[in-house]
Amino acid sequence: MDLQCSSPNRGSLSLAASVSLMLVAMLGVYGPSVYRLYFAEGQSLGGNTSSILLLVALFLFLYGLPRQLSRPAPSQPWLGWSLAALALLMYVVGNLLLLPMLTVGALIPFLAAIVCLQLGLPACRALLLPLLLLLFVIPLPYVITDVIVQPMKQLISIAAENILYWLGYPVARSGVLLTLGGYQLLVADACSGINSLFSLEAIALLYLNAVKRESGWRNLIIAVLIFPISMLANTLRVLILALMTYHLGNDVAQGFMHEASGLLLFALALFVIISLDSLLDRWFKSQPQSTQDGEPVPHNSDAAAAVSSTVVASVQRWPSAMVFSALLLITAGTSHLFIANRTLLAQTHRLDLATLVPTQFADWQQLPVTNSQTILPETQAALDTLYDQQLVRTYSNGQGQQIMLSIAYGQDQSNDVSQVHRPEICYVGQGFVIKQAEPLTLTLDGQRVIAKKMVTEQGARHEPLIYWMLVGDKTVHAGWQRKLLQLSYAAQGVIPDGLLFRVSSIDPEDNRAFALQESFIRDLLAAIPASQRHLLIGQGHVR
């Protein structure tokens, strides 16, 4: 009898030790990066809400783990190792591209792999809530959030404009830029509601799990309604800040009330969600309720089988724990060592835009800076942080036609934060509306350049433009092609630099504007020494 009583203790302790070994390896790999992203002073990713959700998710995972240790099911080696392989791939690619979305996102399959390898699939199902919560703390790159944010900003701007107009205020809108009296109000990304949307979804998930709603339809309705509730809350916030700016001035609106209004309306949105759930509870009350609140109590024979399986599991699962921990530590160490020894391509290019681009060439001459396009202070501050060099000039020819030239250069294109941004983002952020956008292939100095032409408008201002992006020595479209090119450079141990070349003109005739811009580009390149033209157009392209 003493032997039977001590065996499960030894087996449970051994199984707990093998799980702990894997978790300690995870802590060693992820601890520094998670602290830097979510908790270090001045961190740029995560934010307070994400930090809290991360702590809640990890707490729920660790809180539920001991209960699963006491009743291990048969392990799932094929599933566990498949999840581990996926997580390792995400971790390596995320480190090579310095893309937190992948490195942080790998946490989910890593933790799921530990549970499947050691405790079985039923335990993974039981710990599904904290794993789902981790989805809401993954920092998304701007190429993904931009697809969501821009339409949300447009909808909020339109709604705010119509409500203010209905209330009798002198308001006009151009894109996401509201003009109210003598003030210009830009609906920024933070006002789009994407942060509150993700936070509300996560909190609603916790709330629905706590109240144990058994109707799947009711849970689905709540999840769907969170989007319009978040949009409504952020529209009200924009209205409040706009009215405060109009009546009390910009200093008051951008002070304490700017943050307080966001917290207040977030709390209001959460109250609306809980109230809706209560109403839906009454509606679905006639549905049968489950009476099984706990786990079935095993018979003596089941308990004996559990004792035997726990002892066997503790012996058989130690090798998988050691292999998993070793793979994780070796992969992390190799990745960081590889990243630390990369070289900057910028050291080879040694680009100086001010001396490379002449102020006068062919029939073109630079105009005084005061005639150049005005950029909103918020956008200019972001550009100054993003790029190492910027060149913004306006040129005029003998016929009085004008071309605006903008070149932005960044030495580090290895990650999502520092890479050059598409004009679609900056123009929309300035209040422009993009009327047309299509790819364009130019042949310049015998080199094919992958470019894009767009037509933008801001009120009466009609501005066609042509631009291209360089990553290293190749022109490339934004999106997965650029990510693959960055990954290719990273695999070679090289940090590529990047350049955005843009020309535009104010002209109601699109074809005439594009023809003039192409002529300007060819004249400019002809004035640059042949040995240096690749600095602007590259030496290849990626489709």
Protein backbone atom coordinates (compact mmCIF):
# COMPACT_ATOMS: atom_id res chain seq x y z
CA MET A 1 0.00 0.00 0.00
CA ASP A 2 2.87 2.36 0.73
CA LEU A 3 4.26 1.66 -2.72
CA GLN A 4 0.91 2.46 -4.36
CA CYS A 5 0.63 5.72 -2.45
CA SER A 6 4.14 6.89 -3.26
CA SER A 7 4.21 5.96 -6.95
CA PRO A 8 1.78 8.59 -8.17
CA ASN A 9 3.61 11.22 -6.14
CA ARG A 10 6.93 10.27 -7.68
CA GLY A 11 5.32 10.04 -11.13
CA SER A 12 3.54 13.40 -10.81
CA LEU A 13 6.68 15.08 -9.49
CA SER A 14 8.75 13.63 -12.33
CA LEU A 15 6.19 14.75 -14.92
CA ALA A 16 6.04 18.20 -13.33
CA ALA A 17 9.83 18.38 -13.46
CA SER A 18 9.90 17.55 -17.19
CA VAL A 19 7.26 20.21 -17.93
CA SER A 20 9.15 22.69 -15.74
CA LEU A 21 12.35 22.03 -17.70
CA MET A 22 10.60 22.96 -20.94
CA LEU A 23 9.03 26.07 -19.39
CA VAL A 24 12.39 27.20 -17.98
CA ALA A 25 13.90 26.87 -21.45
CA MET A 26 11.02 28.98 -22.79
CA LEU A 27 11.63 31.59 -20.08
CA GLY A 28 15.32 31.79 -20.92
CA VAL A 29 14.59 32.33 -24.61
CA TYR A 30 11.56 34.62 -24.37
CA GLY A 31 12.13 36.44 -21.08
CA PRO A 32 14.45 39.23 -22.38
CA SER A 33 12.53 39.87 -25.61
CA VAL A 34 9.10 39.89 -23.92
CA TYR A 35 10.39 42.30 -21.29
CA ARG A 36 11.84 44.57 -23.96
CA LEU A 37 8.67 44.58 -26.07
CA TYR A 38 6.02 44.88 -23.36
CA PHE A 39 7.48 46.11 -20.09
CA ALA A 40 10.69 48.09 -20.68
CA GLU A 41 10.50 51.84 -20.31
CA GLY A 42 9.96 53.54 -23.66
CA GLN A 43 8.88 50.32 -25.41
CA SER A 44 7.22 50.92 -28.78
CA LEU A 45 5.22 47.70 -29.05
CA GLY A 46 2.64 46.12 -26.85
CA GLY A 47 1.37 49.00 -24.75
CA ASN A 48 -0.38 48.86 -21.38
CA THR A 49 -3.39 46.85 -22.54
CA SER A 50 -1.26 44.24 -24.32
CA SER A 51 1.04 43.97 -21.31
CA ILE A 52 -1.90 43.29 -18.99
CA LEU A 53 -3.44 40.75 -21.37
CA LEU A 54 -0.08 38.98 -21.67
CA LEU A 55 0.19 38.68 -17.89
CA VAL A 56 -3.41 37.45 -17.64
CA ALA A 57 -2.87 34.82 -20.36
CA LEU A 58 0.35 33.52 -18.79
CA PHE A 59 -1.25 33.48 -15.33
CA LEU A 60 -4.24 31.47 -16.57
CA PHE A 61 -1.91 29.04 -18.35
CA LEU A 62 0.28 28.46 -15.28
CA TYR A 63 -2.76 28.38 -12.97
CA GLY A 64 -4.46 25.65 -15.01
CA LEU A 65 -1.29 23.61 -15.57
CA PRO A 66 -1.07 21.86 -12.13
CA ARG A 67 -4.60 20.51 -12.50
CA GLN A 68 -3.66 18.93 -15.83
CA LEU A 69 -0.45 17.48 -14.35
CA SER A 70 -2.53 15.38 -11.96
CA ARG A 71 -4.39 13.64 -14.80
CA PRO A 72 -2.14 13.26 -17.85
CA ALA A 73 -3.64 11.69 -20.97
CA PRO A 74 -1.70 9.80 -23.64
CA SER A 75 0.74 12.18 -25.28
CA GLN A 76 0.40 13.26 -28.91
CA PRO A 77 3.98 13.08 -30.27
CA TRP A 78 3.08 13.73 -33.91
CA LEU A 79 0.98 16.77 -33.03
CA GLY A 80 3.40 18.03 -30.41
CA TRP A 81 6.45 17.82 -32.64
CA SER A 82 4.51 19.33 -35.57
CA LEU A 83 3.62 22.32 -33.39
CA ALA A 84 7.22 22.55 -32.18
CA ALA A 85 8.53 22.54 -35.78
CA LEU A 86 6.05 25.28 -36.72
CA ALA A 87 7.03 27.34 -33.69
CA LEU A 88 10.76 26.97 -34.42
CA LEU A 89 10.21 28.05 -38.03
CA MET A 90 8.20 31.10 -36.91
CA TYR A 91 10.85 31.95 -34.34
CA VAL A 92 13.76 31.71 -36.79
CA VAL A 93 12.02 33.69 -39.57
CA GLY A 94 10.80 36.25 -37.03
CA ASN A 95 14.34 36.75 -35.77
CA LEU A 96 15.82 37.00 -39.25
CA LEU A 97 13.24 39.65 -40.22
CA LEU A 98 13.15 41.17 -36.72
CA LEU A 99 9.38 40.73 -36.95
CA PRO A 100 7.79 40.53 -33.47
CA MET A 101 4.54 39.21 -34.98
CA LEU A 102 6.28 35.90 -35.70
CA THR A 103 8.59 35.68 -32.69
CA VAL A 104 5.84 36.53 -30.20
CA GLY A 105 3.28 34.53 -32.18
CA ALA A 106 5.52 31.45 -31.88
CA LEU A 107 4.71 31.44 -28.16
CA ILE A 108 1.32 29.87 -28.90
CA PRO A 109 2.51 26.75 -30.79
CA PHE A 110 5.48 26.45 -28.39
CA LEU A 111 3.20 26.26 -25.33
CA ALA A 112 0.72 24.03 -27.15
CA ALA A 113 3.59 21.70 -28.13
CA ILE A 114 4.70 21.42 -24.50
CA VAL A 115 1.19 20.47 -23.41
CA CYS A 116 0.64 17.97 -26.25
CA LEU A 117 4.03 16.30 -25.73
CA GLN A 118 3.72 15.98 -21.96
CA LEU A 119 0.04 16.05 -20.99
CA GLY A 120 -1.93 15.10 -24.07
CA LEU A 121 -4.58 16.71 -26.25
CA PRO A 122 -7.32 16.94 -23.54
CA ALA A 123 -5.02 19.16 -21.48
CA CYS A 124 -4.41 21.36 -24.52
CA ARG A 125 -8.17 21.77 -24.93
CA ALA A 126 -8.51 22.66 -21.25
CA LEU A 127 -5.83 25.37 -21.61
CA LEU A 128 -7.26 26.76 -24.84
CA LEU A 129 -8.45 30.05 -23.27
CA PRO A 130 -4.98 31.41 -22.32
CA LEU A 131 -3.61 30.29 -25.69
CA LEU A 132 -6.39 32.22 -27.47
CA LEU A 133 -5.75 35.28 -25.31
CA LEU A 134 -2.15 35.34 -26.54
CA LEU A 135 -3.50 36.05 -30.04
CA PHE A 136 -4.54 39.51 -28.85
CA VAL A 137 -1.05 40.50 -27.65
CA ILE A 138 0.76 39.67 -30.90
CA PRO A 139 2.10 42.98 -32.36
CA LEU A 140 0.87 43.15 -35.95
CA PRO A 141 3.01 44.85 -38.65
CA TYR A 142 1.68 47.98 -40.29
CA VAL A 143 1.21 46.15 -43.62
CA ILE A 144 -1.54 44.15 -41.91
CA THR A 145 -3.00 46.79 -39.59
CA ASP A 146 -3.06 49.33 -42.43
CA VAL A 147 -5.58 47.17 -44.30
CA ILE A 148 -7.83 47.32 -41.22
CA VAL A 149 -7.02 50.79 -39.90
CA GLN A 150 -7.52 52.87 -43.05
CA PRO A 151 -11.16 51.82 -43.70
CA MET A 152 -11.96 52.25 -39.99
CA LYS A 153 -10.49 55.76 -40.01
CA GLN A 154 -12.49 56.63 -43.11
CA LEU A 155 -15.76 55.41 -41.55
CA ILE A 156 -15.13 57.31 -38.31
CA SER A 157 -14.22 60.49 -40.23
CA ILE A 158 -17.38 60.30 -42.37
CA ALA A 159 -19.58 59.66 -39.34
CA ALA A 160 -18.00 62.50 -37.35
CA GLU A 161 -18.35 64.91 -40.28
CA ASN A 162 -22.04 64.14 -40.78
CA ILE A 163 -22.88 64.40 -37.07
CA LEU A 164 -21.03 67.72 -36.69
CA TYR A 165 -22.73 69.05 -39.82
CA TRP A 166 -26.13 67.95 -38.48
CA LEU A 167 -25.36 69.78 -35.23
CA GLY A 168 -24.70 72.97 -37.20
CA TYR A 169 -20.91 73.21 -36.96
CA PRO A 170 -18.76 74.54 -39.85
CA VAL A 171 -17.06 71.27 -40.78
CA ALA A 172 -15.45 69.90 -43.92
CA ARG A 173 -13.65 66.64 -44.57
CA SER A 174 -10.89 65.54 -46.89
CA GLY A 175 -10.07 61.89 -46.43
CA VAL A 176 -9.38 61.50 -42.71
CA LEU A 177 -8.66 65.20 -42.19
CA LEU A 178 -11.49 67.20 -40.59
CA THR A 179 -11.54 70.99 -40.83
CA LEU A 180 -13.63 72.44 -38.00
CA GLY A 181 -13.67 76.21 -37.84
CA GLY A 182 -10.04 77.28 -37.84
CA TYR A 183 -8.72 73.88 -36.75
CA GLN A 184 -7.52 70.88 -38.74
CA LEU A 185 -8.13 67.57 -36.97
CA LEU A 186 -6.41 64.44 -38.23
CA VAL A 187 -8.07 61.12 -37.36
CA ALA A 188 -4.90 59.24 -36.48
CA ASP A 189 -4.36 55.48 -36.33
CA ALA A 190 -4.97 55.48 -32.58
CA CYS A 191 -8.44 56.96 -33.20
CA SER A 192 -9.37 54.15 -35.59
CA GLY A 193 -10.38 51.92 -32.70
CA ILE A 194 -8.15 48.98 -33.62
CA ASN A 195 -6.51 48.90 -30.17
CA SER A 196 -9.81 49.05 -28.32
CA LEU A 197 -11.26 46.50 -30.77
CA PHE A 198 -8.63 43.89 -29.91
CA SER A 199 -8.81 44.71 -26.20
CA LEU A 200 -12.61 44.43 -26.14
CA GLU A 201 -12.49 41.11 -27.98
CA ALA A 202 -10.01 39.73 -25.44
CA ILE A 203 -11.95 41.01 -22.42
CA ALA A 204 -15.21 39.68 -23.88
CA LEU A 205 -13.53 36.28 -24.28
CA LEU A 206 -12.58 36.33 -20.60
CA TYR A 207 -16.05 37.51 -19.60
CA LEU A 208 -17.86 34.81 -21.60
CA ASN A 209 -15.57 32.17 -20.14
CA ALA A 210 -16.23 33.44 -16.61
CA VAL A 211 -20.04 33.47 -16.92
CA LYS A 212 -20.03 30.08 -18.72
CA ARG A 213 -22.55 30.92 -21.44
CA GLU A 214 -23.43 27.66 -23.10
CA SER A 215 -25.17 29.05 -26.18
CA GLY A 216 -22.69 29.21 -29.04
CA TRP A 217 -24.99 31.55 -30.96
CA ARG A 218 -25.05 34.02 -28.08
CA ASN A 219 -21.25 34.03 -27.86
CA LEU A 220 -21.01 34.54 -31.62
CA ILE A 221 -23.47 37.46 -31.51
CA ILE A 222 -21.45 39.16 -28.77
CA ALA A 223 -18.20 38.66 -30.69
CA VAL A 224 -19.69 40.16 -33.87
CA LEU A 225 -21.27 43.14 -32.07
CA ILE A 226 -17.94 44.17 -30.55
CA PHE A 227 -16.85 45.71 -33.87
CA PRO A 228 -19.73 48.22 -34.25
CA ILE A 229 -19.58 48.97 -30.50
CA SER A 230 -15.87 49.79 -30.78
CA MET A 231 -16.47 51.93 -33.87
CA LEU A 232 -19.27 53.81 -32.12
CA ALA A 233 -17.12 54.44 -29.04
CA ASN A 234 -14.25 55.83 -31.09
CA THR A 235 -16.59 57.97 -33.19
CA LEU A 236 -17.91 59.50 -29.96
CA ARG A 237 -14.34 60.08 -28.84
CA VAL A 238 -13.48 61.91 -32.06
CA LEU A 239 -16.64 64.03 -31.67
CA ILE A 240 -15.81 64.91 -28.06
CA LEU A 241 -12.24 65.90 -28.91
CA ALA A 242 -13.40 67.87 -31.97
CA LEU A 243 -15.96 69.83 -29.94
CA MET A 244 -13.44 70.47 -27.14
CA THR A 245 -10.94 71.73 -29.70
CA TYR A 246 -13.53 74.01 -31.29
CA HIS A 247 -14.83 75.49 -28.00
CA LEU A 248 -11.85 75.24 -25.61
CA GLY A 249 -8.80 75.15 -27.86
CA ASN A 250 -6.30 72.56 -28.99
CA ASP A 251 -4.24 72.58 -25.77
CA VAL A 252 -7.22 71.47 -23.67
CA ALA A 253 -8.31 68.76 -26.13
CA GLN A 254 -4.81 67.30 -26.47
CA GLY A 255 -4.13 67.35 -22.74
CA PHE A 256 -5.53 65.17 -20.00
CA MET A 257 -8.92 64.76 -21.69
CA HIS A 258 -7.33 63.15 -24.75
CA GLU A 259 -6.38 60.06 -22.74
CA ALA A 260 -9.26 60.28 -20.27
CA SER A 261 -11.87 60.24 -23.04
CA GLY A 262 -10.36 57.06 -24.44
CA LEU A 263 -10.49 55.27 -21.06
CA LEU A 264 -14.02 56.53 -20.35
CA LEU A 265 -15.42 55.38 -23.69
CA PHE A 266 -13.61 52.04 -23.43
CA ALA A 267 -15.33 51.47 -20.08
CA LEU A 268 -18.64 52.52 -21.64
CA ALA A 269 -18.16 50.07 -24.51
CA LEU A 270 -17.42 47.28 -22.04
CA PHE A 271 -20.59 48.16 -20.09
CA VAL A 272 -22.61 48.00 -23.32
CA ILE A 273 -21.20 44.53 -24.10
CA ILE A 274 -22.11 43.20 -20.64
CA SER A 275 -25.59 44.75 -20.91
CA LEU A 276 -26.14 43.16 -24.32
CA ASP A 277 -25.07 39.80 -22.93
CA SER A 278 -27.63 40.15 -20.14
CA LEU A 279 -30.36 40.89 -22.68
CA LEU A 280 -29.31 37.93 -24.80
CA ASP A 281 -29.29 35.76 -21.67
CA ARG A 282 -32.98 36.47 -21.19
CA TRP A 283 -33.64 35.78 -24.86
CA PHE A 284 -31.90 32.40 -24.81
CA LYS A 285 -33.05 31.47 -21.30
CA SER A 286 -35.48 28.85 -22.56
CA GLN A 287 -32.61 26.76 -23.94
CA PRO A 288 -31.58 23.73 -21.82
CA GLN A 289 -28.72 24.32 -19.45
CA SER A 290 -25.95 21.87 -18.79
CA THR A 291 -25.99 20.42 -15.28
CA GLN A 292 -22.56 18.89 -15.39
CA ASP A 293 -20.39 21.44 -13.66
CA GLY A 294 -17.48 19.27 -12.67
CA GLU A 295 -15.40 16.40 -13.88
CA PRO A 296 -16.67 12.84 -13.30
CA VAL A 297 -15.15 11.13 -10.31
CA PRO A 298 -13.15 8.12 -11.46
CA HIS A 299 -13.78 4.63 -10.09
CA ASN A 300 -11.04 2.80 -8.24
CA SER A 301 -10.08 0.93 -11.40
CA ASP A 302 -9.80 4.23 -13.29
CA ALA A 303 -7.70 5.68 -10.50
CA ALA A 304 -5.39 2.70 -10.63
CA ALA A 305 -5.02 3.10 -14.38
CA ALA A 306 -4.28 6.79 -13.88
CA VAL A 307 -1.55 5.87 -11.35
CA SER A 308 0.04 3.49 -13.83
CA SER A 309 -0.16 5.95 -16.75
CA THR A 310 1.31 8.78 -14.66
CA VAL A 311 4.32 6.66 -13.68
CA VAL A 312 4.89 5.49 -17.25
CA ALA A 313 4.39 9.00 -18.63
CA SER A 314 6.96 10.45 -16.27
CA VAL A 315 9.57 8.02 -17.61
CA GLN A 316 8.70 8.16 -21.31
CA ARG A 317 8.30 11.94 -21.59
CA TRP A 318 11.63 13.03 -20.13
CA PRO A 319 13.47 12.45 -23.46
CA SER A 320 10.98 14.65 -25.34
CA ALA A 321 11.38 17.38 -22.69
CA MET A 322 15.18 17.33 -23.00
CA VAL A 323 15.12 17.24 -26.81
CA PHE A 324 12.59 20.09 -26.94
CA SER A 325 14.60 22.25 -24.51
CA ALA A 326 17.86 21.56 -26.32
CA LEU A 327 16.38 22.38 -29.74
CA LEU A 328 14.87 25.60 -28.43
CA LEU A 329 18.05 26.82 -26.73
CA ILE A 330 20.31 25.87 -29.65
CA THR A 331 17.99 27.51 -32.20
CA ALA A 332 17.68 30.69 -30.13
CA GLY A 333 21.43 30.91 -29.51
CA THR A 334 22.28 30.32 -33.17
CA SER A 335 19.71 32.87 -34.35
CA HIS A 336 20.97 35.60 -32.03
CA LEU A 337 24.61 34.86 -32.90
CA PHE A 338 23.79 35.04 -36.61
CA ILE A 339 21.92 38.33 -36.19
CA ALA A 340 24.75 39.87 -34.17
CA ASN A 341 27.25 39.25 -37.01
CA ARG A 342 25.29 40.74 -39.91
CA THR A 343 26.81 43.51 -42.04
CA LEU A 344 25.19 46.76 -43.21
CA LEU A 345 24.78 47.15 -46.96
CA ALA A 346 24.61 50.90 -46.33
CA GLN A 347 28.36 50.83 -45.62
CA THR A 348 28.90 49.80 -49.24
CA HIS A 349 26.46 52.29 -50.79
CA ARG A 350 27.56 55.36 -48.78
CA LEU A 351 24.62 57.37 -50.09
CA ASP A 352 24.43 61.15 -49.64
CA LEU A 353 21.19 62.42 -51.21
CA ALA A 354 22.03 66.13 -50.93
CA THR A 355 25.14 65.78 -53.12
CA LEU A 356 23.85 62.99 -55.36
CA VAL A 357 20.76 64.85 -56.62
CA PRO A 358 21.63 68.07 -58.50
CA THR A 359 19.66 71.26 -57.91
CA GLN A 360 19.71 72.10 -61.62
CA PHE A 361 19.73 69.80 -64.66
CA ALA A 362 18.39 69.84 -68.21
CA ASP A 363 15.50 72.35 -68.18
CA TRP A 364 14.78 71.88 -64.49
CA GLN A 365 15.74 74.13 -61.60
CA GLN A 366 15.03 73.82 -57.89
CA LEU A 367 12.52 76.28 -56.45
CA PRO A 368 12.87 77.83 -52.98
CA VAL A 369 11.85 75.52 -50.14
CA THR A 370 8.84 77.71 -49.31
CA ASN A 371 7.16 76.55 -52.54
CA SER A 372 7.36 72.85 -51.59
CA GLN A 373 4.45 70.81 -50.34
CA THR A 374 3.58 71.40 -46.69
CA ILE A 375 3.59 68.32 -44.48
CA LEU A 376 1.61 68.07 -41.26
CA PRO A 377 3.89 68.29 -38.17
CA GLU A 378 2.73 64.88 -36.87
CA THR A 379 3.61 63.17 -40.15
CA GLN A 380 6.95 64.98 -40.44
CA ALA A 381 7.92 63.93 -36.92
CA ALA A 382 7.19 60.30 -37.79
CA LEU A 383 9.24 60.57 -41.00
CA ASP A 384 12.20 62.10 -39.14
CA THR A 385 12.19 59.12 -36.78
CA LEU A 386 11.84 56.56 -39.56
CA TYR A 387 14.43 57.71 -42.11
CA ASP A 388 18.15 58.49 -41.92
CA GLN A 389 18.01 60.90 -44.87
CA GLN A 390 15.20 62.82 -46.57
CA LEU A 391 15.33 65.02 -49.63
CA VAL A 392 12.22 67.07 -50.51
CA ARG A 393 12.47 69.53 -53.40
CA THR A 394 10.24 71.20 -55.97
CA TYR A 395 11.59 71.74 -59.49
CA SER A 396 10.28 73.96 -62.28
CA ASN A 397 11.07 73.94 -66.01
CA GLY A 398 11.08 76.73 -68.60
CA GLN A 399 7.33 76.32 -69.25
CA GLY A 400 6.52 76.85 -65.58
CA GLN A 401 5.59 73.20 -64.98
CA GLN A 402 6.45 71.96 -61.51
CA ILE A 403 7.47 68.54 -60.18
CA MET A 404 7.73 67.67 -56.49
CA LEU A 405 10.55 65.23 -55.72
CA SER A 406 10.75 63.27 -52.47
CA ILE A 407 13.45 60.71 -51.66
CA ALA A 408 13.61 58.98 -48.29
CA TYR A 409 16.46 56.67 -47.27
CA GLY A 410 16.81 54.26 -44.34
CA GLN A 411 19.92 52.25 -43.54
CA ASP A 412 18.07 49.35 -41.89
CA GLN A 413 15.40 47.41 -43.81
CA SER A 414 15.67 44.27 -41.73
CA ASN A 415 12.46 44.78 -39.77
CA ASP A 416 8.92 46.07 -40.06
CA VAL A 417 9.43 49.13 -37.86
CA SER A 418 12.31 50.79 -39.72
CA GLN A 419 11.46 49.84 -43.32
CA VAL A 420 10.37 52.52 -45.78
CA HIS A 421 6.64 53.19 -45.82
CA ARG A 422 4.47 53.26 -48.90
CA PRO A 423 3.09 56.66 -49.99
CA GLU A 424 -0.40 55.20 -49.62
CA ILE A 425 0.07 55.42 -45.85
CA CYS A 426 1.59 58.90 -45.71
CA TYR A 427 -0.87 60.40 -48.19
CA VAL A 428 -3.92 58.99 -46.42
CA GLY A 429 -2.41 60.15 -43.14
CA GLN A 430 -2.24 63.66 -44.62
CA GLY A 431 -5.93 63.59 -45.49
CA PHE A 432 -5.64 62.55 -49.17
CA VAL A 433 -7.99 60.14 -50.90
CA ILE A 434 -6.42 57.59 -53.26
CA LYS A 435 -8.50 57.55 -56.44
CA GLN A 436 -6.35 55.18 -58.51
CA ALA A 437 -3.34 52.92 -57.97
CA GLU A 438 -1.75 50.47 -60.40
CA PRO A 439 1.68 48.87 -60.97
CA LEU A 440 4.09 50.36 -63.48
CA THR A 441 7.30 49.03 -65.04
CA LEU A 442 9.82 51.65 -66.17
CA THR A 443 12.96 51.08 -68.23
CA LEU A 444 15.56 53.53 -66.93
CA ASP A 445 19.21 53.51 -67.98
CA GLY A 446 18.70 50.00 -69.41
CA GLN A 447 17.36 48.82 -66.04
CA ARG A 448 13.79 47.62 -65.42
CA VAL A 449 12.33 49.38 -62.41
CA ILE A 450 9.22 48.05 -60.65
CA ALA A 451 7.19 51.13 -59.76
CA LYS A 452 3.64 52.25 -59.06
CA LYS A 453 1.53 55.16 -60.24
CA MET A 454 -1.28 56.67 -58.20
CA VAL A 455 -3.84 59.44 -58.39
CA THR A 456 -4.61 61.22 -55.12
CA GLU A 457 -6.95 64.03 -54.14
CA GLN A 458 -7.31 66.36 -51.20
CA GLY A 459 -10.23 68.69 -51.75
CA ALA A 460 -9.52 70.57 -54.99
CA ARG A 461 -5.92 69.34 -55.07
CA HIS A 462 -5.50 66.62 -57.72
CA GLU A 463 -2.04 65.07 -57.43
CA PRO A 464 -0.88 62.15 -59.62
CA LEU A 465 2.40 60.53 -58.58
CA ILE A 466 4.92 57.82 -59.48
CA TYR A 467 7.03 56.02 -56.91
CA TRP A 468 9.22 52.98 -56.40
CA MET A 469 10.93 51.32 -53.47
CA LEU A 470 14.43 49.91 -53.23
CA VAL A 471 15.39 47.19 -50.77
CA GLY A 472 19.13 46.72 -51.03
CA ASP A 473 19.88 46.71 -54.76
CA LYS A 474 16.43 45.66 -56.03
CA THR A 475 13.14 47.43 -56.68
CA VAL A 476 10.21 45.56 -55.23
CA HIS A 477 6.49 45.90 -54.57
CA ALA A 478 5.30 46.12 -50.99
CA GLY A 479 3.88 42.99 -49.41
CA TRP A 480 5.13 39.42 -49.45
CA GLN A 481 7.67 40.12 -52.23
CA ARG A 482 9.44 42.63 -49.99
CA LYS A 483 9.34 40.21 -47.03
CA LEU A 484 10.89 37.45 -49.15
CA LEU A 485 13.61 39.83 -50.34
CA GLN A 486 14.35 40.91 -46.76
CA LEU A 487 14.51 37.26 -45.74
CA SER A 488 16.90 36.54 -48.61
CA TYR A 489 19.26 39.30 -47.46
CA ALA A 490 18.94 38.15 -43.83
CA ALA A 491 19.91 34.59 -44.81
CA GLN A 492 23.07 36.03 -46.39
CA GLY A 493 23.94 37.83 -43.15
CA VAL A 494 23.25 41.26 -44.68
CA ILE A 495 21.11 44.14 -43.39
CA PRO A 496 19.75 45.83 -46.53
CA ASP A 497 19.13 49.54 -46.77
CA GLY A 498 16.03 50.99 -48.40
CA LEU A 499 14.95 53.95 -50.49
CA LEU A 500 11.63 55.47 -51.51
CA PHE A 501 11.71 57.57 -54.69
CA ARG A 502 8.59 59.64 -55.45
CA VAL A 503 7.69 62.33 -57.97
CA SER A 504 4.34 64.08 -58.11
CA SER A 505 2.66 67.12 -59.66
CA ILE A 506 -0.60 69.00 -59.26
CA ASP A 507 -2.40 68.49 -62.55
CA PRO A 508 -6.04 67.62 -63.37
CA GLU A 509 -4.90 65.64 -66.45
CA ASP A 510 -3.47 62.32 -65.27
CA ASN A 511 -1.83 61.19 -68.52
CA ARG A 512 -0.15 64.55 -69.01
CA ALA A 513 1.11 64.49 -65.43
CA PHE A 514 2.54 60.96 -65.71
CA ALA A 515 4.27 61.77 -69.01
CA LEU A 516 5.88 64.87 -67.46
CA GLN A 517 6.99 62.91 -64.40
CA GLU A 518 8.64 60.19 -66.50
CA SER A 519 10.44 62.87 -68.52
CA PHE A 520 11.65 64.48 -65.28
CA ILE A 521 12.94 61.14 -63.98
CA ARG A 522 14.92 60.45 -67.16
CA ASP A 523 16.42 63.96 -67.13
CA LEU A 524 17.40 63.54 -63.48
CA LEU A 525 19.11 60.19 -64.01
CA ALA A 526 20.96 61.52 -67.04
CA ALA A 527 22.45 64.23 -64.82
CA ILE A 528 23.75 61.72 -62.28
CA PRO A 529 27.07 59.90 -62.95
CA ALA A 530 26.47 56.45 -64.45
CA SER A 531 28.41 54.78 -61.63
CA GLN A 532 25.94 56.16 -59.05
CA ARG A 533 22.58 55.74 -60.78
CA HIS A 534 22.07 52.30 -59.21
CA LEU A 535 21.76 54.07 -55.84
CA LEU A 536 18.36 55.40 -57.01
CA ILE A 537 17.11 52.68 -59.39
CA GLY A 538 18.89 49.57 -58.11
CA GLN A 539 20.52 46.76 -60.06
CA GLY A 540 17.60 44.40 -60.40
CA HIS A 541 13.94 43.94 -59.52
CA VAL A 542 11.61 41.50 -57.82
CA ARG A 543 8.15 40.74 -59.16
